[in-house]
Amino acid sequence: TSPAVRAFVEHNLYAETMPVKIYYITPVYRYERPQSGRLREHHQFGI
């Protein structure tokens, strides 16, 4: 979410007709104990 918000601000997407509706499929990284279905590098779909 935070990178999507940063891009929304940097590229002035707020000047476009609202609502602005975006999605992403992206790798994300968290240093935590690996467990079933959760890895240090995993992939997230978000809107």
ModelCIF file with pLDDT and N, C-alpha, C, O atoms, coordinates in Angstrom:
data_MODEL
#
_entry.id   MODEL 
#
_entity.id                         1 
_entity.type                       polymer 
_entity.pdbx_number_of_molecules   1 
#
_entity_poly.entity_id                      1 
_entity_poly.type                           'polypeptide(L)' 
_entity_poly.nstd_linkage                   no 
_entity_poly.nstd_monomer                   no 
_entity_poly.pdbx_seq_one_letter_code       TSPAVRAFVEHNLYAETMPVKIYYITPVYRYERPQSGRLREHHQFGI 
_entity_poly.pdbx_seq_one_letter_code_can   TSPAVRAFVEHNLYAETMPVKIYYITPVYRYERPQSGRLREHHQFGI 
_entity_poly.pdbx_strand_id                 A 
#
loop_
_entity_poly_seq.entity_id 
_entity_poly_seq.num 
_entity_poly_seq.mon_id 
_entity_poly_seq.hetero 
1 1  THR n 
1 2  SER n 
1 3  PRO n 
1 4  ALA n 
1 5  VAL n 
1 6  ARG n 
1 7  ALA n 
1 8  PHE n 
1 9  VAL n 
1 10 GLU n 
1 11 HIS n 
1 12 ASN n 
1 13 LEU n 
1 14 TYR n 
1 15 ALA n 
1 16 GLU n 
1 17 THR n 
1 18 MET n 
1 19 PRO n 
1 20 VAL n 
1 21 LYS n 
1 22 ILE n 
1 23 TYR n 
1 24 TYR n 
1 25 ILE n 
1 26 THR n 
1 27 PRO n 
1 28 VAL n 
1 29 TYR n 
1 30 ARG n 
1 31 TYR n 
1 32 GLU n 
1 33 ARG n 
1 34 PRO n 
1 35 GLN n 
1 36 SER n 
1 37 GLY n 
1 38 ARG n 
1 39 LEU n 
1 40 ARG n 
1 41 GLU n 
1 42 HIS n 
1 43 HIS n 
1 44 GLN n 
1 45 PHE n 
1 46 GLY n 
1 47 ILE n 
#
_struct_asym.id          A 
_struct_asym.entity_id   1 
#
loop_
_ma_qa_metric.id 
_ma_qa_metric.mode 
_ma_qa_metric.name 
_ma_qa_metric.software_group_id 
_ma_qa_metric.type 
1 global pLDDT . pLDDT 
2 local  pLDDT . pLDDT 
#
_ma_qa_metric_global.metric_id      1 
_ma_qa_metric_global.metric_value   93.34 
_ma_qa_metric_global.model_id       1 
_ma_qa_metric_global.ordinal_id     1 
#
loop_
_ma_qa_metric_local.label_asym_id 
_ma_qa_metric_local.label_comp_id 
_ma_qa_metric_local.label_seq_id 
_ma_qa_metric_local.metric_id 
_ma_qa_metric_local.metric_value 
_ma_qa_metric_local.model_id 
_ma_qa_metric_local.ordinal_id 
A THR 1  2 94.00 1 1  
A SER 2  2 94.00 1 2  
A PRO 3  2 96.00 1 3  
A ALA 4  2 97.00 1 4  
A VAL 5  2 96.00 1 5  
A ARG 6  2 97.00 1 6  
A ALA 7  2 97.00 1 7  
A PHE 8  2 98.00 1 8  
A VAL 9  2 97.00 1 9  
A GLU 10 2 97.00 1 10 
A HIS 11 2 98.00 1 11 
A ASN 12 2 97.00 1 12 
A LEU 13 2 97.00 1 13 
A TYR 14 2 96.00 1 14 
A ALA 15 2 97.00 1 15 
A GLU 16 2 96.00 1 16 
A THR 17 2 97.00 1 17 
A MET 18 2 97.00 1 18 
A PRO 19 2 98.00 1 19 
A VAL 20 2 98.00 1 20 
A LYS 21 2 98.00 1 21 
A ILE 22 2 98.00 1 22 
A TYR 23 2 98.00 1 23 
A TYR 24 2 98.00 1 24 
A ILE 25 2 98.00 1 25 
A THR 26 2 97.00 1 26 
A PRO 27 2 97.00 1 27 
A VAL 28 2 96.00 1 28 
A TYR 29 2 96.00 1 29 
A ARG 30 2 93.00 1 30 
A TYR 31 2 92.00 1 31 
A GLU 32 2 83.00 1 32 
A ARG 33 2 82.00 1 33 
A PRO 34 2 78.00 1 34 
A GLN 35 2 74.00 1 35 
A SER 36 2 70.00 1 36 
A GLY 37 2 68.00 1 37 
A ARG 38 2 77.00 1 38 
A LEU 39 2 91.00 1 39 
A ARG 40 2 93.00 1 40 
A GLU 41 2 95.00 1 41 
A HIS 42 2 94.00 1 42 
A HIS 43 2 96.00 1 43 
A GLN 44 2 97.00 1 44 
A PHE 45 2 98.00 1 45 
A GLY 46 2 98.00 1 46 
A ILE 47 2 98.00 1 47 
#
loop_
_atom_site.group_PDB 
_atom_site.id 
_atom_site.type_symbol 
_atom_site.label_atom_id 
_atom_site.label_alt_id 
_atom_site.label_comp_id 
_atom_site.label_asym_id 
_atom_site.label_entity_id 
_atom_site.label_seq_id 
_atom_site.pdbx_PDB_ins_code 
_atom_site.Cartn_x 
_atom_site.Cartn_y 
_atom_site.Cartn_z 
_atom_site.occupancy 
_atom_site.B_iso_or_equiv 
_atom_site.pdbx_formal_charge 
_atom_site.auth_seq_id 
_atom_site.auth_comp_id 
_atom_site.auth_asym_id 
_atom_site.auth_atom_id 
_atom_site.pdbx_PDB_model_num 
ATOM 1   N N  . THR A 1 1  ? 0.809   -1.219  0.000   1.00 94.00 ? 1  THR A N  1 
ATOM 2   C CA . THR A 1 1  ? 0.000   0.000   0.000   1.00 94.00 ? 1  THR A CA 1 
ATOM 3   C C  . THR A 1 1  ? 0.843   1.270   0.000   1.00 94.00 ? 1  THR A C  1 
ATOM 4   O O  . THR A 1 1  ? 0.593   2.171   -0.800  1.00 94.00 ? 1  THR A O  1 
ATOM 5   N N  . SER A 1 2  ? 1.834   1.357   0.882   1.00 94.00 ? 2  SER A N  1 
ATOM 6   C CA . SER A 1 2  ? 2.642   2.585   0.974   1.00 94.00 ? 2  SER A CA 1 
ATOM 7   C C  . SER A 1 2  ? 3.332   2.929   -0.348  1.00 94.00 ? 2  SER A C  1 
ATOM 8   O O  . SER A 1 2  ? 3.306   4.095   -0.744  1.00 94.00 ? 2  SER A O  1 
ATOM 9   N N  . PRO A 1 3  ? 3.957   1.959   -1.058  1.00 96.00 ? 3  PRO A N  1 
ATOM 10  C CA . PRO A 1 3  ? 4.521   2.285   -2.368  1.00 96.00 ? 3  PRO A CA 1 
ATOM 11  C C  . PRO A 1 3  ? 3.467   2.752   -3.373  1.00 96.00 ? 3  PRO A C  1 
ATOM 12  O O  . PRO A 1 3  ? 3.731   3.637   -4.187  1.00 96.00 ? 3  PRO A O  1 
ATOM 13  N N  . ALA A 1 4  ? 2.273   2.156   -3.314  1.00 97.00 ? 4  ALA A N  1 
ATOM 14  C CA . ALA A 1 4  ? 1.201   2.581   -4.225  1.00 97.00 ? 4  ALA A CA 1 
ATOM 15  C C  . ALA A 1 4  ? 0.789   4.019   -3.920  1.00 97.00 ? 4  ALA A C  1 
ATOM 16  O O  . ALA A 1 4  ? 0.530   4.801   -4.835  1.00 97.00 ? 4  ALA A O  1 
ATOM 17  N N  . VAL A 1 5  ? 0.729   4.364   -2.640  1.00 96.00 ? 5  VAL A N  1 
ATOM 18  C CA . VAL A 1 5  ? 0.396   5.736   -2.241  1.00 96.00 ? 5  VAL A CA 1 
ATOM 19  C C  . VAL A 1 5  ? 1.492   6.694   -2.679  1.00 96.00 ? 5  VAL A C  1 
ATOM 20  O O  . VAL A 1 5  ? 1.205   7.784   -3.175  1.00 96.00 ? 5  VAL A O  1 
ATOM 21  N N  . ARG A 1 6  ? 2.745   6.294   -2.498  1.00 97.00 ? 6  ARG A N  1 
ATOM 22  C CA . ARG A 1 6  ? 3.868   7.139   -2.933  1.00 97.00 ? 6  ARG A CA 1 
ATOM 23  C C  . ARG A 1 6  ? 3.787   7.414   -4.429  1.00 97.00 ? 6  ARG A C  1 
ATOM 24  O O  . ARG A 1 6  ? 3.984   8.550   -4.861  1.00 97.00 ? 6  ARG A O  1 
ATOM 25  N N  . ALA A 1 7  ? 3.499   6.386   -5.222  1.00 97.00 ? 7  ALA A N  1 
ATOM 26  C CA . ALA A 1 7  ? 3.369   6.569   -6.679  1.00 97.00 ? 7  ALA A CA 1 
ATOM 27  C C  . ALA A 1 7  ? 2.165   7.449   -7.014  1.00 97.00 ? 7  ALA A C  1 
ATOM 28  O O  . ALA A 1 7  ? 2.226   8.266   -7.932  1.00 97.00 ? 7  ALA A O  1 
ATOM 29  N N  . PHE A 1 8  ? 1.079   7.281   -6.272  1.00 98.00 ? 8  PHE A N  1 
ATOM 30  C CA . PHE A 1 8  ? -0.128  8.088   -6.454  1.00 98.00 ? 8  PHE A CA 1 
ATOM 31  C C  . PHE A 1 8  ? 0.186   9.572   -6.263  1.00 98.00 ? 8  PHE A C  1 
ATOM 32  O O  . PHE A 1 8  ? -0.313  10.425  -6.998  1.00 98.00 ? 8  PHE A O  1 
ATOM 33  N N  . VAL A 1 9  ? 1.029   9.869   -5.254  1.00 97.00 ? 9  VAL A N  1 
ATOM 34  C CA . VAL A 1 9  ? 1.395   11.258  -4.972  1.00 97.00 ? 9  VAL A CA 1 
ATOM 35  C C  . VAL A 1 9  ? 2.430   11.763  -5.981  1.00 97.00 ? 9  VAL A C  1 
ATOM 36  O O  . VAL A 1 9  ? 2.283   12.852  -6.537  1.00 97.00 ? 9  VAL A O  1 
ATOM 37  N N  . GLU A 1 10 ? 3.472   10.968  -6.210  1.00 97.00 ? 10 GLU A N  1 
ATOM 38  C CA . GLU A 1 10 ? 4.568   11.414  -7.074  1.00 97.00 ? 10 GLU A CA 1 
ATOM 39  C C  . GLU A 1 10 ? 4.109   11.728  -8.492  1.00 97.00 ? 10 GLU A C  1 
ATOM 40  O O  . GLU A 1 10 ? 4.590   12.680  -9.106  1.00 97.00 ? 10 GLU A O  1 
ATOM 41  N N  . HIS A 1 11 ? 3.190   10.941  -9.005  1.00 98.00 ? 11 HIS A N  1 
ATOM 42  C CA . HIS A 1 11 ? 2.753   11.104  -10.399 1.00 98.00 ? 11 HIS A CA 1 
ATOM 43  C C  . HIS A 1 11 ? 1.430   11.863  -10.521 1.00 98.00 ? 11 HIS A C  1 
ATOM 44  O O  . HIS A 1 11 ? 0.779   11.836  -11.565 1.00 98.00 ? 11 HIS A O  1 
ATOM 45  N N  . ASN A 1 12 ? 1.041   12.548  -9.423  1.00 97.00 ? 12 ASN A N  1 
ATOM 46  C CA . ASN A 1 12 ? -0.148  13.410  -9.438  1.00 97.00 ? 12 ASN A CA 1 
ATOM 47  C C  . ASN A 1 12 ? -1.414  12.689  -9.908  1.00 97.00 ? 12 ASN A C  1 
ATOM 48  O O  . ASN A 1 12 ? -2.252  13.275  -10.593 1.00 97.00 ? 12 ASN A O  1 
ATOM 49  N N  . LEU A 1 13 ? -1.543  11.413  -9.532  1.00 97.00 ? 13 LEU A N  1 
ATOM 50  C CA . LEU A 1 13 ? -2.734  10.675  -9.939  1.00 97.00 ? 13 LEU A CA 1 
ATOM 51  C C  . LEU A 1 13 ? -3.988  11.237  -9.286  1.00 97.00 ? 13 LEU A C  1 
ATOM 52  O O  . LEU A 1 13 ? -5.101  10.972  -9.741  1.00 97.00 ? 13 LEU A O  1 
ATOM 53  N N  . TYR A 1 14 ? -3.808  12.019  -8.211  1.00 96.00 ? 14 TYR A N  1 
ATOM 54  C CA . TYR A 1 14 ? -4.954  12.648  -7.548  1.00 96.00 ? 14 TYR A CA 1 
ATOM 55  C C  . TYR A 1 14 ? -5.592  13.723  -8.432  1.00 96.00 ? 14 TYR A C  1 
ATOM 56  O O  . TYR A 1 14 ? -6.701  14.180  -8.153  1.00 96.00 ? 14 TYR A O  1 
ATOM 57  N N  . ALA A 1 15 ? -4.889  14.127  -9.501  1.00 97.00 ? 15 ALA A N  1 
ATOM 58  C CA . ALA A 1 15 ? -5.462  15.112  -10.433 1.00 97.00 ? 15 ALA A CA 1 
ATOM 59  C C  . ALA A 1 15 ? -6.377  14.446  -11.460 1.00 97.00 ? 15 ALA A C  1 
ATOM 60  O O  . ALA A 1 15 ? -7.070  15.124  -12.218 1.00 97.00 ? 15 ALA A O  1 
ATOM 61  N N  . GLU A 1 16 ? -6.371  13.097  -11.477 1.00 96.00 ? 16 GLU A N  1 
ATOM 62  C CA . GLU A 1 16 ? -7.237  12.383  -12.422 1.00 96.00 ? 16 GLU A CA 1 
ATOM 63  C C  . GLU A 1 16 ? -8.654  12.285  -11.867 1.00 96.00 ? 16 GLU A C  1 
ATOM 64  O O  . GLU A 1 16 ? -8.901  12.584  -10.699 1.00 96.00 ? 16 GLU A O  1 
ATOM 65  N N  . THR A 1 17 ? -9.571  11.865  -12.717 1.00 97.00 ? 17 THR A N  1 
ATOM 66  C CA . THR A 1 17 ? -10.953 11.681  -12.284 1.00 97.00 ? 17 THR A CA 1 
ATOM 67  C C  . THR A 1 17 ? -11.012 10.602  -11.207 1.00 97.00 ? 17 THR A C  1 
ATOM 68  O O  . THR A 1 17 ? -10.467 9.511   -11.370 1.00 97.00 ? 17 THR A O  1 
ATOM 69  N N  . MET A 1 18 ? -11.686 10.931  -10.098 1.00 97.00 ? 18 MET A N  1 
ATOM 70  C CA . MET A 1 18 ? -11.812 9.982   -8.997  1.00 97.00 ? 18 MET A CA 1 
ATOM 71  C C  . MET A 1 18 ? -13.045 9.086   -9.195  1.00 97.00 ? 18 MET A C  1 
ATOM 72  O O  . MET A 1 18 ? -14.014 9.511   -9.823  1.00 97.00 ? 18 MET A O  1 
ATOM 73  N N  . PRO A 1 19 ? -13.021 7.854   -8.669  1.00 98.00 ? 19 PRO A N  1 
ATOM 74  C CA . PRO A 1 19 ? -11.918 7.280   -7.907  1.00 98.00 ? 19 PRO A CA 1 
ATOM 75  C C  . PRO A 1 19 ? -10.816 6.738   -8.814  1.00 98.00 ? 19 PRO A C  1 
ATOM 76  O O  . PRO A 1 19 ? -11.071 6.345   -9.953  1.00 98.00 ? 19 PRO A O  1 
ATOM 77  N N  . VAL A 1 20 ? -9.593  6.724   -8.295  1.00 98.00 ? 20 VAL A N  1 
ATOM 78  C CA . VAL A 1 20 ? -8.475  6.047   -8.951  1.00 98.00 ? 20 VAL A CA 1 
ATOM 79  C C  . VAL A 1 20 ? -8.415  4.641   -8.373  1.00 98.00 ? 20 VAL A C  1 
ATOM 80  O O  . VAL A 1 20 ? -8.286  4.465   -7.161  1.00 98.00 ? 20 VAL A O  1 
ATOM 81  N N  . LYS A 1 21 ? -8.510  3.634   -9.249  1.00 98.00 ? 21 LYS A N  1 
ATOM 82  C CA . LYS A 1 21 ? -8.594  2.237   -8.798  1.00 98.00 ? 21 LYS A CA 1 
ATOM 83  C C  . LYS A 1 21 ? -7.413  1.460   -9.381  1.00 98.00 ? 21 LYS A C  1 
ATOM 84  O O  . LYS A 1 21 ? -7.300  1.313   -10.598 1.00 98.00 ? 21 LYS A O  1 
ATOM 85  N N  . ILE A 1 22 ? -6.541  0.966   -8.510  1.00 98.00 ? 22 ILE A N  1 
ATOM 86  C CA . ILE A 1 22 ? -5.331  0.272   -8.973  1.00 98.00 ? 22 ILE A CA 1 
ATOM 87  C C  . ILE A 1 22 ? -5.175  -1.068  -8.244  1.00 98.00 ? 22 ILE A C  1 
ATOM 88  O O  . ILE A 1 22 ? -5.715  -1.278  -7.158  1.00 98.00 ? 22 ILE A O  1 
ATOM 89  N N  . TYR A 1 23 ? -4.414  -1.969  -8.887  1.00 98.00 ? 23 TYR A N  1 
ATOM 90  C CA . TYR A 1 23 ? -4.069  -3.237  -8.231  1.00 98.00 ? 23 TYR A CA 1 
ATOM 91  C C  . TYR A 1 23 ? -2.623  -3.571  -8.539  1.00 98.00 ? 23 TYR A C  1 
ATOM 92  O O  . TYR A 1 23 ? -2.027  -3.009  -9.458  1.00 98.00 ? 23 TYR A O  1 
ATOM 93  N N  . TYR A 1 24 ? -2.062  -4.490  -7.766  1.00 98.00 ? 24 TYR A N  1 
ATOM 94  C CA . TYR A 1 24 ? -0.683  -4.916  -7.982  1.00 98.00 ? 24 TYR A CA 1 
ATOM 95  C C  . TYR A 1 24 ? -0.522  -6.370  -7.567  1.00 98.00 ? 24 TYR A C  1 
ATOM 96  O O  . TYR A 1 24 ? -1.224  -6.868  -6.686  1.00 98.00 ? 24 TYR A O  1 
ATOM 97  N N  . ILE A 1 25 ? 0.409   -7.031  -8.216  1.00 98.00 ? 25 ILE A N  1 
ATOM 98  C CA . ILE A 1 25 ? 0.872   -8.363  -7.818  1.00 98.00 ? 25 ILE A CA 1 
ATOM 99  C C  . ILE A 1 25 ? 2.377   -8.218  -7.654  1.00 98.00 ? 25 ILE A C  1 
ATOM 100 O O  . ILE A 1 25 ? 3.088   -8.007  -8.637  1.00 98.00 ? 25 ILE A O  1 
ATOM 101 N N  . THR A 1 26 ? 2.867   -8.327  -6.434  1.00 97.00 ? 26 THR A N  1 
ATOM 102 C CA . THR A 1 26 ? 4.248   -7.923  -6.178  1.00 97.00 ? 26 THR A CA 1 
ATOM 103 C C  . THR A 1 26 ? 4.907   -8.785  -5.108  1.00 97.00 ? 26 THR A C  1 
ATOM 104 O O  . THR A 1 26 ? 4.232   -9.246  -4.187  1.00 97.00 ? 26 THR A O  1 
ATOM 105 N N  . PRO A 1 27 ? 6.226   -9.011  -5.214  1.00 97.00 ? 27 PRO A N  1 
ATOM 106 C CA . PRO A 1 27 ? 6.933   -9.648  -4.092  1.00 97.00 ? 27 PRO A CA 1 
ATOM 107 C C  . PRO A 1 27 ? 7.088   -8.654  -2.947  1.00 97.00 ? 27 PRO A C  1 
ATOM 108 O O  . PRO A 1 27 ? 7.294   -7.463  -3.183  1.00 97.00 ? 27 PRO A O  1 
ATOM 109 N N  . VAL A 1 28 ? 6.991   -9.133  -1.716  1.00 96.00 ? 28 VAL A N  1 
ATOM 110 C CA . VAL A 1 28 ? 7.237   -8.315  -0.530  1.00 96.00 ? 28 VAL A CA 1 
ATOM 111 C C  . VAL A 1 28 ? 8.183   -9.077  0.390   1.00 96.00 ? 28 VAL A C  1 
ATOM 112 O O  . VAL A 1 28 ? 8.289   -10.301 0.311   1.00 96.00 ? 28 VAL A O  1 
ATOM 113 N N  . TYR A 1 29 ? 8.870   -8.338  1.267   1.00 96.00 ? 29 TYR A N  1 
ATOM 114 C CA . TYR A 1 29 ? 9.953   -8.917  2.059   1.00 96.00 ? 29 TYR A CA 1 
ATOM 115 C C  . TYR A 1 29 ? 9.789   -8.580  3.534   1.00 96.00 ? 29 TYR A C  1 
ATOM 116 O O  . TYR A 1 29 ? 9.688   -7.412  3.908   1.00 96.00 ? 29 TYR A O  1 
ATOM 117 N N  . ARG A 1 30 ? 9.764   -9.617  4.366   1.00 93.00 ? 30 ARG A N  1 
ATOM 118 C CA . ARG A 1 30 ? 9.678   -9.413  5.810   1.00 93.00 ? 30 ARG A CA 1 
ATOM 119 C C  . ARG A 1 30 ? 10.578  -10.417 6.517   1.00 93.00 ? 30 ARG A C  1 
ATOM 120 O O  . ARG A 1 30 ? 10.506  -11.622 6.275   1.00 93.00 ? 30 ARG A O  1 
ATOM 121 N N  . TYR A 1 31 ? 11.419  -9.897  7.389   1.00 92.00 ? 31 TYR A N  1 
ATOM 122 C CA . TYR A 1 31 ? 12.301  -10.774 8.147   1.00 92.00 ? 31 TYR A CA 1 
ATOM 123 C C  . TYR A 1 31 ? 11.540  -11.304 9.355   1.00 92.00 ? 31 TYR A C  1 
ATOM 124 O O  . TYR A 1 31 ? 11.459  -10.647 10.392  1.00 92.00 ? 31 TYR A O  1 
ATOM 125 N N  . GLU A 1 32 ? 10.993  -12.488 9.206   1.00 83.00 ? 32 GLU A N  1 
ATOM 126 C CA . GLU A 1 32 ? 10.236  -13.118 10.285  1.00 83.00 ? 32 GLU A CA 1 
ATOM 127 C C  . GLU A 1 32 ? 10.447  -14.618 10.205  1.00 83.00 ? 32 GLU A C  1 
ATOM 128 O O  . GLU A 1 32 ? 11.019  -15.119 9.237   1.00 83.00 ? 32 GLU A O  1 
ATOM 129 N N  . ARG A 1 33 ? 9.991   -15.330 11.211  1.00 82.00 ? 33 ARG A N  1 
ATOM 130 C CA . ARG A 1 33 ? 10.165  -16.778 11.215  1.00 82.00 ? 33 ARG A CA 1 
ATOM 131 C C  . ARG A 1 33 ? 9.314   -17.400 10.117  1.00 82.00 ? 33 ARG A C  1 
ATOM 132 O O  . ARG A 1 33 ? 8.093   -17.248 10.127  1.00 82.00 ? 33 ARG A O  1 
ATOM 133 N N  . PRO A 1 34 ? 9.943   -18.104 9.160   1.00 78.00 ? 34 PRO A N  1 
ATOM 134 C CA . PRO A 1 34 ? 9.157   -18.714 8.085   1.00 78.00 ? 34 PRO A CA 1 
ATOM 135 C C  . PRO A 1 34 ? 8.156   -19.718 8.657   1.00 78.00 ? 34 PRO A C  1 
ATOM 136 O O  . PRO A 1 34 ? 8.470   -20.477 9.573   1.00 78.00 ? 34 PRO A O  1 
ATOM 137 N N  . GLN A 1 35 ? 6.952   -19.705 8.098   1.00 74.00 ? 35 GLN A N  1 
ATOM 138 C CA . GLN A 1 35 ? 5.907   -20.618 8.530   1.00 74.00 ? 35 GLN A CA 1 
ATOM 139 C C  . GLN A 1 35 ? 5.063   -20.982 7.333   1.00 74.00 ? 35 GLN A C  1 
ATOM 140 O O  . GLN A 1 35 ? 5.252   -20.451 6.238   1.00 74.00 ? 35 GLN A O  1 
ATOM 141 N N  . SER A 1 36 ? 4.129   -21.893 7.547   1.00 70.00 ? 36 SER A N  1 
ATOM 142 C CA . SER A 1 36 ? 3.286   -22.366 6.449   1.00 70.00 ? 36 SER A CA 1 
ATOM 143 C C  . SER A 1 36 ? 2.535   -21.205 5.808   1.00 70.00 ? 36 SER A C  1 
ATOM 144 O O  . SER A 1 36 ? 1.778   -20.496 6.471   1.00 70.00 ? 36 SER A O  1 
ATOM 145 N N  . GLY A 1 37 ? 2.754   -21.023 4.510   1.00 68.00 ? 37 GLY A N  1 
ATOM 146 C CA . GLY A 1 37 ? 2.064   -19.968 3.784   1.00 68.00 ? 37 GLY A CA 1 
ATOM 147 C C  . GLY A 1 37 ? 2.642   -18.584 3.975   1.00 68.00 ? 37 GLY A C  1 
ATOM 148 O O  . GLY A 1 37 ? 2.102   -17.620 3.431   1.00 68.00 ? 37 GLY A O  1 
ATOM 149 N N  . ARG A 1 38 ? 3.708   -18.451 4.719   1.00 77.00 ? 38 ARG A N  1 
ATOM 150 C CA . ARG A 1 38 ? 4.314   -17.140 4.952   1.00 77.00 ? 38 ARG A CA 1 
ATOM 151 C C  . ARG A 1 38 ? 5.839   -17.279 4.884   1.00 77.00 ? 38 ARG A C  1 
ATOM 152 O O  . ARG A 1 38 ? 6.445   -17.959 5.712   1.00 77.00 ? 38 ARG A O  1 
ATOM 153 N N  . LEU A 1 39 ? 6.440   -16.641 3.906   1.00 91.00 ? 39 LEU A N  1 
ATOM 154 C CA . LEU A 1 39 ? 7.884   -16.714 3.699   1.00 91.00 ? 39 LEU A CA 1 
ATOM 155 C C  . LEU A 1 39 ? 8.486   -15.321 3.840   1.00 91.00 ? 39 LEU A C  1 
ATOM 156 O O  . LEU A 1 39 ? 7.761   -14.326 3.845   1.00 91.00 ? 39 LEU A O  1 
ATOM 157 N N  . ARG A 1 40 ? 9.798   -15.248 3.954   1.00 93.00 ? 40 ARG A N  1 
ATOM 158 C CA . ARG A 1 40 ? 10.465  -13.946 4.056   1.00 93.00 ? 40 ARG A CA 1 
ATOM 159 C C  . ARG A 1 40 ? 10.347  -13.169 2.746   1.00 93.00 ? 40 ARG A C  1 
ATOM 160 O O  . ARG A 1 40 ? 10.224  -11.944 2.745   1.00 93.00 ? 40 ARG A O  1 
ATOM 161 N N  . GLU A 1 41 ? 10.384  -13.887 1.653   1.00 95.00 ? 41 GLU A N  1 
ATOM 162 C CA . GLU A 1 41 ? 9.971   -13.293 0.377   1.00 95.00 ? 41 GLU A CA 1 
ATOM 163 C C  . GLU A 1 41 ? 8.664   -13.969 -0.005  1.00 95.00 ? 41 GLU A C  1 
ATOM 164 O O  . GLU A 1 41 ? 8.649   -15.162 -0.311  1.00 95.00 ? 41 GLU A O  1 
ATOM 165 N N  . HIS A 1 42 ? 7.577   -13.224 0.010   1.00 94.00 ? 42 HIS A N  1 
ATOM 166 C CA . HIS A 1 42 ? 6.317   -13.789 -0.461  1.00 94.00 ? 42 HIS A CA 1 
ATOM 167 C C  . HIS A 1 42 ? 5.681   -12.807 -1.437  1.00 94.00 ? 42 HIS A C  1 
ATOM 168 O O  . HIS A 1 42 ? 6.236   -11.743 -1.715  1.00 94.00 ? 42 HIS A O  1 
ATOM 169 N N  . HIS A 1 43 ? 4.542   -13.166 -1.939  1.00 96.00 ? 43 HIS A N  1 
ATOM 170 C CA . HIS A 1 43 ? 3.930   -12.389 -3.016  1.00 96.00 ? 43 HIS A CA 1 
ATOM 171 C C  . HIS A 1 43 ? 2.545   -11.929 -2.597  1.00 96.00 ? 43 HIS A C  1 
ATOM 172 O O  . HIS A 1 43 ? 1.771   -12.677 -2.001  1.00 96.00 ? 43 HIS A O  1 
ATOM 173 N N  . GLN A 1 44 ? 2.261   -10.696 -2.920  1.00 97.00 ? 44 GLN A N  1 
ATOM 174 C CA . GLN A 1 44 ? 1.028   -10.080 -2.457  1.00 97.00 ? 44 GLN A CA 1 
ATOM 175 C C  . GLN A 1 44 ? 0.221   -9.542  -3.633  1.00 97.00 ? 44 GLN A C  1 
ATOM 176 O O  . GLN A 1 44 ? 0.744   -8.859  -4.514  1.00 97.00 ? 44 GLN A O  1 
ATOM 177 N N  . PHE A 1 45 ? -1.063  -9.870  -3.617  1.00 98.00 ? 45 PHE A N  1 
ATOM 178 C CA . PHE A 1 45 ? -2.020  -9.209  -4.508  1.00 98.00 ? 45 PHE A CA 1 
ATOM 179 C C  . PHE A 1 45 ? -2.754  -8.182  -3.659  1.00 98.00 ? 45 PHE A C  1 
ATOM 180 O O  . PHE A 1 45 ? -3.274  -8.502  -2.590  1.00 98.00 ? 45 PHE A O  1 
ATOM 181 N N  . GLY A 1 46 ? -2.790  -6.960  -4.139  1.00 98.00 ? 46 GLY A N  1 
ATOM 182 C CA . GLY A 1 46 ? -3.490  -5.918  -3.394  1.00 98.00 ? 46 GLY A CA 1 
ATOM 183 C C  . GLY A 1 46 ? -4.217  -4.978  -4.329  1.00 98.00 ? 46 GLY A C  1 
ATOM 184 O O  . GLY A 1 46 ? -3.844  -4.830  -5.492  1.00 98.00 ? 46 GLY A O  1 
ATOM 185 N N  . ILE A 1 47 ? -5.263  -4.339  -3.812  1.00 98.00 ? 47 ILE A N  1 
ATOM 186 C CA . ILE A 1 47 ? -5.943  -3.295  -4.567  1.00 98.00 ? 47 ILE A CA 1 
ATOM 187 C C  . ILE A 1 47 ? -6.059  -2.054  -3.686  1.00 98.00 ? 47 ILE A C  1 
ATOM 188 O O  . ILE A 1 47 ? -6.602  -1.038  -4.119  1.00 98.00 ? 47 ILE A O  1 
#
